[in-house]
N, C-alpha and C. Protein backbone atom coordinates (compact mmCIF):
# COMPACT_ATOMS: atom_id res chain seq x y z
N MET A 1 -15.40 5.80 3.62
CA MET A 1 -14.14 5.46 3.02
C MET A 1 -13.15 5.07 4.11
N ALA A 2 -11.98 4.61 3.71
CA ALA A 2 -11.01 4.05 4.64
C ALA A 2 -10.26 5.12 5.43
N THR A 3 -9.75 4.70 6.59
CA THR A 3 -8.99 5.57 7.47
C THR A 3 -7.68 4.87 7.86
N TRP A 4 -6.80 5.60 8.53
CA TRP A 4 -5.57 4.99 9.03
C TRP A 4 -5.88 3.91 10.05
N ASP A 5 -6.95 4.07 10.81
CA ASP A 5 -7.34 3.02 11.76
C ASP A 5 -7.69 1.73 11.03
N ASP A 6 -8.33 1.85 9.86
CA ASP A 6 -8.64 0.66 9.05
C ASP A 6 -7.35 0.00 8.57
N VAL A 7 -6.42 0.81 8.07
CA VAL A 7 -5.14 0.26 7.60
C VAL A 7 -4.46 -0.49 8.74
N ARG A 8 -4.38 0.14 9.90
CA ARG A 8 -3.73 -0.47 11.06
C ARG A 8 -4.41 -1.79 11.44
N ARG A 9 -5.72 -1.79 11.53
CA ARG A 9 -6.47 -3.00 11.92
C ARG A 9 -6.24 -4.12 10.92
N ILE A 10 -6.34 -3.82 9.63
CA ILE A 10 -6.17 -4.84 8.58
C ILE A 10 -4.75 -5.38 8.59
N ALA A 11 -3.77 -4.49 8.62
CA ALA A 11 -2.37 -4.91 8.56
C ALA A 11 -1.99 -5.76 9.77
N LEU A 12 -2.36 -5.29 10.96
CA LEU A 12 -1.95 -6.00 12.18
C LEU A 12 -2.68 -7.33 12.36
N ALA A 13 -3.76 -7.56 11.61
CA ALA A 13 -4.45 -8.85 11.66
C ALA A 13 -3.71 -9.91 10.86
N LEU A 14 -2.75 -9.50 10.03
CA LEU A 14 -2.00 -10.45 9.21
C LEU A 14 -0.83 -11.01 10.02
N PRO A 15 -0.50 -12.29 9.82
CA PRO A 15 0.55 -12.93 10.62
C PRO A 15 1.89 -12.21 10.57
N GLU A 16 2.52 -12.15 11.73
CA GLU A 16 3.88 -11.63 11.90
C GLU A 16 4.06 -10.20 11.41
N THR A 17 2.98 -9.43 11.45
CA THR A 17 3.06 -8.01 11.07
C THR A 17 3.41 -7.17 12.28
N THR A 18 4.28 -6.20 12.05
CA THR A 18 4.62 -5.22 13.07
C THR A 18 4.41 -3.83 12.51
N GLU A 19 4.14 -2.91 13.40
CA GLU A 19 4.02 -1.51 13.02
C GLU A 19 5.24 -0.79 13.56
N ARG A 20 5.98 -0.18 12.68
CA ARG A 20 7.16 0.58 13.07
C ARG A 20 7.30 1.76 12.14
N GLY A 21 7.58 2.90 12.65
CA GLY A 21 7.70 4.10 11.84
C GLY A 21 8.71 3.94 10.72
N SER A 22 8.42 4.59 9.61
CA SER A 22 9.34 4.61 8.48
C SER A 22 10.51 5.52 8.81
N HIS A 23 11.38 5.72 7.85
CA HIS A 23 12.53 6.61 8.09
C HIS A 23 12.07 8.04 8.37
N ASP A 24 10.87 8.41 7.95
CA ASP A 24 10.30 9.72 8.26
C ASP A 24 9.50 9.68 9.56
N ASP A 25 9.53 8.54 10.25
CA ASP A 25 8.77 8.29 11.47
C ASP A 25 7.27 8.37 11.25
N LEU A 26 6.84 7.99 10.05
CA LEU A 26 5.42 7.89 9.73
C LEU A 26 5.00 6.43 9.88
N PRO A 27 3.71 6.17 10.08
CA PRO A 27 3.26 4.78 10.24
C PRO A 27 3.65 3.91 9.04
N ALA A 28 4.13 2.72 9.37
CA ALA A 28 4.52 1.75 8.35
C ALA A 28 4.34 0.35 8.94
N TRP A 29 3.95 -0.59 8.10
CA TRP A 29 3.71 -1.95 8.54
C TRP A 29 4.61 -2.89 7.77
N ARG A 30 5.16 -3.87 8.49
CA ARG A 30 6.15 -4.79 7.93
C ARG A 30 5.80 -6.22 8.30
N VAL A 31 6.21 -7.13 7.43
CA VAL A 31 6.15 -8.55 7.74
C VAL A 31 7.60 -9.04 7.72
N ARG A 32 8.03 -9.56 8.85
CA ARG A 32 9.43 -9.98 9.03
C ARG A 32 10.39 -8.91 8.51
N ASP A 33 10.13 -7.69 8.91
CA ASP A 33 10.94 -6.50 8.64
C ASP A 33 10.93 -6.07 7.17
N LYS A 34 10.00 -6.58 6.39
CA LYS A 34 9.85 -6.14 4.99
C LYS A 34 8.61 -5.26 4.89
N LEU A 35 8.84 -4.04 4.49
CA LEU A 35 7.77 -3.04 4.37
C LEU A 35 6.73 -3.47 3.34
N PHE A 36 5.43 -3.39 3.71
CA PHE A 36 4.41 -3.71 2.72
C PHE A 36 3.36 -2.62 2.55
N VAL A 37 3.04 -1.85 3.55
CA VAL A 37 2.19 -0.66 3.41
C VAL A 37 2.71 0.42 4.35
N TRP A 38 2.53 1.69 3.94
CA TRP A 38 3.08 2.79 4.71
C TRP A 38 2.38 4.09 4.36
N GLU A 39 2.42 5.03 5.29
CA GLU A 39 1.92 6.37 5.00
C GLU A 39 2.96 7.05 4.12
N ARG A 40 2.50 7.67 3.04
CA ARG A 40 3.44 8.27 2.08
C ARG A 40 2.93 9.63 1.61
N PRO A 41 3.12 10.67 2.44
CA PRO A 41 2.71 12.00 1.98
C PRO A 41 3.51 12.40 0.74
N LEU A 42 2.90 13.24 -0.06
CA LEU A 42 3.58 13.69 -1.27
C LEU A 42 4.69 14.67 -0.92
N ARG A 43 5.80 14.52 -1.59
CA ARG A 43 6.95 15.40 -1.40
C ARG A 43 6.94 16.47 -2.48
N ARG A 44 7.81 17.44 -2.35
CA ARG A 44 7.87 18.55 -3.30
C ARG A 44 8.00 18.05 -4.74
N ALA A 45 8.89 17.09 -4.99
CA ALA A 45 9.08 16.56 -6.35
C ALA A 45 7.81 15.89 -6.85
N ASP A 46 7.09 15.20 -5.96
CA ASP A 46 5.83 14.56 -6.34
C ASP A 46 4.81 15.63 -6.74
N LEU A 47 4.70 16.66 -5.92
CA LEU A 47 3.74 17.74 -6.20
C LEU A 47 4.07 18.43 -7.52
N ASP A 48 5.35 18.65 -7.76
CA ASP A 48 5.76 19.27 -9.03
C ASP A 48 5.41 18.38 -10.21
N ALA A 49 5.64 17.07 -10.07
CA ALA A 49 5.36 16.13 -11.17
C ALA A 49 3.86 15.98 -11.43
N LEU A 50 3.06 15.97 -10.37
CA LEU A 50 1.62 15.76 -10.51
C LEU A 50 0.86 17.04 -10.86
N GLY A 51 1.40 18.17 -10.48
CA GLY A 51 0.76 19.44 -10.78
C GLY A 51 -0.63 19.52 -10.16
N ASP A 52 -1.60 19.97 -10.96
CA ASP A 52 -2.98 20.12 -10.47
C ASP A 52 -3.63 18.80 -10.11
N ALA A 53 -3.09 17.69 -10.60
CA ALA A 53 -3.66 16.37 -10.31
C ALA A 53 -3.24 15.85 -8.94
N ALA A 54 -2.37 16.56 -8.24
CA ALA A 54 -1.89 16.10 -6.93
C ALA A 54 -3.03 16.08 -5.92
N PRO A 55 -3.26 14.93 -5.29
CA PRO A 55 -4.30 14.86 -4.26
C PRO A 55 -3.86 15.56 -2.98
N ASP A 56 -4.82 15.96 -2.18
CA ASP A 56 -4.47 16.63 -0.93
C ASP A 56 -4.84 15.83 0.31
N GLY A 57 -5.40 14.66 0.14
CA GLY A 57 -5.78 13.84 1.29
C GLY A 57 -4.68 12.88 1.69
N PRO A 58 -4.99 11.97 2.60
CA PRO A 58 -4.00 10.99 3.07
C PRO A 58 -3.62 10.00 1.97
N ILE A 59 -2.32 9.68 1.91
CA ILE A 59 -1.80 8.80 0.86
C ILE A 59 -1.17 7.57 1.51
N LEU A 60 -1.57 6.40 1.02
CA LEU A 60 -1.01 5.12 1.44
C LEU A 60 -0.11 4.61 0.33
N GLY A 61 1.08 4.15 0.68
CA GLY A 61 1.93 3.42 -0.26
C GLY A 61 1.71 1.95 -0.02
N ALA A 62 1.66 1.17 -1.11
CA ALA A 62 1.43 -0.27 -0.97
C ALA A 62 2.25 -1.03 -2.01
N ARG A 63 2.95 -2.05 -1.54
CA ARG A 63 3.67 -2.93 -2.46
C ARG A 63 2.67 -3.75 -3.24
N VAL A 64 3.04 -4.10 -4.45
CA VAL A 64 2.25 -4.99 -5.29
C VAL A 64 3.17 -6.11 -5.76
N PRO A 65 2.60 -7.22 -6.23
CA PRO A 65 3.45 -8.36 -6.60
C PRO A 65 4.47 -8.06 -7.70
N ASP A 66 4.08 -7.25 -8.67
CA ASP A 66 4.98 -6.98 -9.79
C ASP A 66 4.49 -5.75 -10.55
N LEU A 67 5.24 -5.34 -11.56
CA LEU A 67 4.88 -4.14 -12.31
C LEU A 67 3.59 -4.33 -13.11
N GLY A 68 3.28 -5.56 -13.52
CA GLY A 68 2.02 -5.82 -14.22
C GLY A 68 0.82 -5.55 -13.32
N ALA A 69 0.92 -5.97 -12.07
CA ALA A 69 -0.16 -5.71 -11.11
C ALA A 69 -0.29 -4.21 -10.86
N LYS A 70 0.83 -3.52 -10.81
CA LYS A 70 0.81 -2.08 -10.62
C LYS A 70 0.07 -1.40 -11.78
N GLU A 71 0.43 -1.76 -12.99
CA GLU A 71 -0.21 -1.16 -14.17
C GLU A 71 -1.70 -1.46 -14.20
N ALA A 72 -2.08 -2.67 -13.80
CA ALA A 72 -3.50 -3.04 -13.78
C ALA A 72 -4.27 -2.17 -12.79
N LEU A 73 -3.73 -1.95 -11.60
CA LEU A 73 -4.41 -1.11 -10.62
C LEU A 73 -4.51 0.34 -11.11
N LEU A 74 -3.43 0.84 -11.67
CA LEU A 74 -3.43 2.23 -12.16
C LEU A 74 -4.47 2.42 -13.26
N ALA A 75 -4.60 1.42 -14.14
CA ALA A 75 -5.57 1.51 -15.23
C ALA A 75 -6.99 1.28 -14.74
N ASP A 76 -7.15 0.42 -13.73
CA ASP A 76 -8.47 0.05 -13.24
C ASP A 76 -9.21 1.21 -12.58
N ASP A 77 -8.52 1.97 -11.75
CA ASP A 77 -9.20 3.05 -11.05
C ASP A 77 -8.24 4.20 -10.73
N PRO A 78 -7.96 5.05 -11.73
CA PRO A 78 -7.03 6.17 -11.50
C PRO A 78 -7.56 7.21 -10.51
N ARG A 79 -8.82 7.11 -10.16
CA ARG A 79 -9.38 7.99 -9.14
C ARG A 79 -8.84 7.62 -7.76
N VAL A 80 -8.47 6.35 -7.58
CA VAL A 80 -7.97 5.84 -6.31
C VAL A 80 -6.45 5.62 -6.34
N TYR A 81 -5.97 4.97 -7.41
CA TYR A 81 -4.56 4.57 -7.50
C TYR A 81 -3.79 5.52 -8.40
N PHE A 82 -2.56 5.83 -7.99
CA PHE A 82 -1.71 6.67 -8.82
C PHE A 82 -0.25 6.37 -8.49
N THR A 83 0.64 7.01 -9.21
CA THR A 83 2.07 6.85 -8.96
C THR A 83 2.76 8.17 -9.23
N THR A 84 4.03 8.21 -8.94
CA THR A 84 4.85 9.39 -9.21
C THR A 84 6.15 8.91 -9.85
N PRO A 85 6.92 9.80 -10.43
CA PRO A 85 8.20 9.38 -11.01
C PRO A 85 9.11 8.68 -9.99
N HIS A 86 9.01 9.02 -8.72
CA HIS A 86 9.82 8.37 -7.69
C HIS A 86 9.61 6.85 -7.69
N PHE A 87 8.41 6.40 -8.01
CA PHE A 87 8.08 4.96 -7.98
C PHE A 87 8.17 4.30 -9.35
N GLU A 88 8.70 4.99 -10.35
CA GLU A 88 8.83 4.40 -11.68
C GLU A 88 9.73 3.17 -11.62
N GLY A 89 9.24 2.07 -12.17
CA GLY A 89 10.00 0.83 -12.18
C GLY A 89 10.00 0.09 -10.85
N TYR A 90 9.21 0.55 -9.89
CA TYR A 90 9.15 -0.06 -8.56
C TYR A 90 7.75 -0.63 -8.35
N PRO A 91 7.64 -1.86 -7.84
CA PRO A 91 6.33 -2.49 -7.68
C PRO A 91 5.56 -1.98 -6.47
N ALA A 92 5.05 -0.76 -6.59
CA ALA A 92 4.24 -0.16 -5.53
C ALA A 92 3.30 0.86 -6.15
N VAL A 93 2.17 1.06 -5.50
CA VAL A 93 1.22 2.08 -5.93
C VAL A 93 0.97 3.03 -4.77
N LEU A 94 0.50 4.20 -5.11
CA LEU A 94 0.03 5.16 -4.11
C LEU A 94 -1.49 5.15 -4.16
N VAL A 95 -2.10 5.30 -3.01
CA VAL A 95 -3.55 5.15 -2.88
C VAL A 95 -4.13 6.36 -2.16
N ARG A 96 -5.16 6.94 -2.74
CA ARG A 96 -5.91 8.00 -2.07
C ARG A 96 -6.79 7.33 -1.03
N LEU A 97 -6.33 7.36 0.21
CA LEU A 97 -6.99 6.60 1.28
C LEU A 97 -8.45 7.02 1.45
N ASP A 98 -8.75 8.28 1.22
CA ASP A 98 -10.13 8.74 1.41
C ASP A 98 -11.04 8.39 0.23
N ARG A 99 -10.51 7.66 -0.76
CA ARG A 99 -11.33 7.25 -1.91
C ARG A 99 -11.43 5.74 -2.08
N ILE A 100 -10.87 4.99 -1.16
CA ILE A 100 -10.92 3.54 -1.27
C ILE A 100 -11.84 2.99 -0.19
N GLY A 101 -12.66 2.03 -0.56
CA GLY A 101 -13.53 1.39 0.41
C GLY A 101 -12.76 0.40 1.27
N VAL A 102 -13.31 0.07 2.42
CA VAL A 102 -12.62 -0.82 3.36
C VAL A 102 -12.43 -2.21 2.76
N GLU A 103 -13.40 -2.70 2.02
CA GLU A 103 -13.27 -4.03 1.42
C GLU A 103 -12.12 -4.07 0.41
N GLU A 104 -12.04 -3.06 -0.45
CA GLU A 104 -10.95 -3.00 -1.43
C GLU A 104 -9.61 -2.77 -0.73
N LEU A 105 -9.61 -1.96 0.33
CA LEU A 105 -8.39 -1.74 1.10
C LEU A 105 -7.91 -3.05 1.72
N THR A 106 -8.82 -3.83 2.23
CA THR A 106 -8.46 -5.12 2.82
C THR A 106 -7.77 -6.00 1.80
N GLU A 107 -8.33 -6.05 0.59
CA GLU A 107 -7.73 -6.84 -0.49
C GLU A 107 -6.34 -6.31 -0.84
N LEU A 108 -6.20 -5.00 -0.95
CA LEU A 108 -4.93 -4.39 -1.30
C LEU A 108 -3.86 -4.66 -0.24
N VAL A 109 -4.19 -4.44 1.03
CA VAL A 109 -3.23 -4.64 2.12
C VAL A 109 -2.83 -6.11 2.20
N THR A 110 -3.79 -7.00 2.05
CA THR A 110 -3.50 -8.43 2.10
C THR A 110 -2.59 -8.83 0.95
N GLU A 111 -2.85 -8.33 -0.25
CA GLU A 111 -1.98 -8.62 -1.40
C GLU A 111 -0.60 -8.05 -1.19
N ALA A 112 -0.51 -6.86 -0.62
CA ALA A 112 0.80 -6.25 -0.32
C ALA A 112 1.56 -7.13 0.66
N TRP A 113 0.86 -7.63 1.68
CA TRP A 113 1.48 -8.52 2.65
C TRP A 113 2.00 -9.78 1.97
N HIS A 114 1.18 -10.38 1.11
CA HIS A 114 1.59 -11.59 0.38
C HIS A 114 2.80 -11.33 -0.51
N ALA A 115 2.88 -10.13 -1.07
CA ALA A 115 4.00 -9.79 -1.95
C ALA A 115 5.32 -9.73 -1.17
N ARG A 116 5.26 -9.49 0.13
CA ARG A 116 6.48 -9.31 0.93
C ARG A 116 6.75 -10.43 1.93
N ALA A 117 5.73 -11.19 2.28
CA ALA A 117 5.90 -12.26 3.26
C ALA A 117 6.73 -13.40 2.67
N PRO A 118 7.46 -14.11 3.53
CA PRO A 118 8.16 -15.30 3.05
C PRO A 118 7.16 -16.28 2.44
N LYS A 119 7.60 -17.01 1.43
CA LYS A 119 6.71 -17.90 0.68
C LYS A 119 5.94 -18.89 1.56
N ARG A 120 6.62 -19.50 2.51
CA ARG A 120 5.94 -20.48 3.37
C ARG A 120 4.88 -19.83 4.25
N LEU A 121 5.20 -18.68 4.81
CA LEU A 121 4.24 -17.97 5.64
C LEU A 121 3.03 -17.55 4.81
N ALA A 122 3.26 -17.06 3.61
CA ALA A 122 2.17 -16.67 2.72
C ALA A 122 1.32 -17.87 2.32
N ALA A 123 1.96 -19.00 2.06
CA ALA A 123 1.22 -20.22 1.69
C ALA A 123 0.33 -20.68 2.84
N VAL A 124 0.84 -20.64 4.06
CA VAL A 124 0.03 -21.03 5.22
C VAL A 124 -1.15 -20.08 5.37
N HIS A 125 -0.90 -18.80 5.22
CA HIS A 125 -1.99 -17.82 5.34
C HIS A 125 -3.05 -18.05 4.27
N ARG A 126 -2.65 -18.28 3.04
CA ARG A 126 -3.62 -18.54 1.96
C ARG A 126 -4.44 -19.79 2.27
N ALA A 127 -3.80 -20.83 2.75
CA ALA A 127 -4.50 -22.08 3.07
C ALA A 127 -5.50 -21.87 4.20
N GLU A 128 -5.12 -21.12 5.22
CA GLU A 128 -6.00 -20.87 6.35
C GLU A 128 -7.16 -19.95 5.97
N ALA A 129 -6.90 -19.02 5.04
CA ALA A 129 -7.94 -18.08 4.61
C ALA A 129 -8.94 -18.73 3.68
N GLY A 130 -8.53 -19.87 3.11
CA GLY A 130 -9.45 -20.60 2.23
C GLY A 130 -9.40 -20.06 0.87
């Protein structure tokens, strides 16, 4: 399954990506200073909301293009993707990093990058990726 090293490698391979700590000084990756994936440990309110369903492994936050994409991921594989009340109405999902394969992680991180990258930069990347 995926690791933080995988996240770092995938994210930094995307154009104009930088790694800079979040406000909690946890790993976070940005494209032109727009956050697209980040380490997101569960907070007390998250643990209270999730109860026994709260995972205990590493958690990745990832932007998605819109709320429809978020709902699709949540419905597709709730073993991997989840959310908390903190992210209600926000286009992002939480990911159990130890339950996602590297290929699926690559797709997720790339889509998160596309959701945040400037349109021209994203278009060039799509064209180059084929």
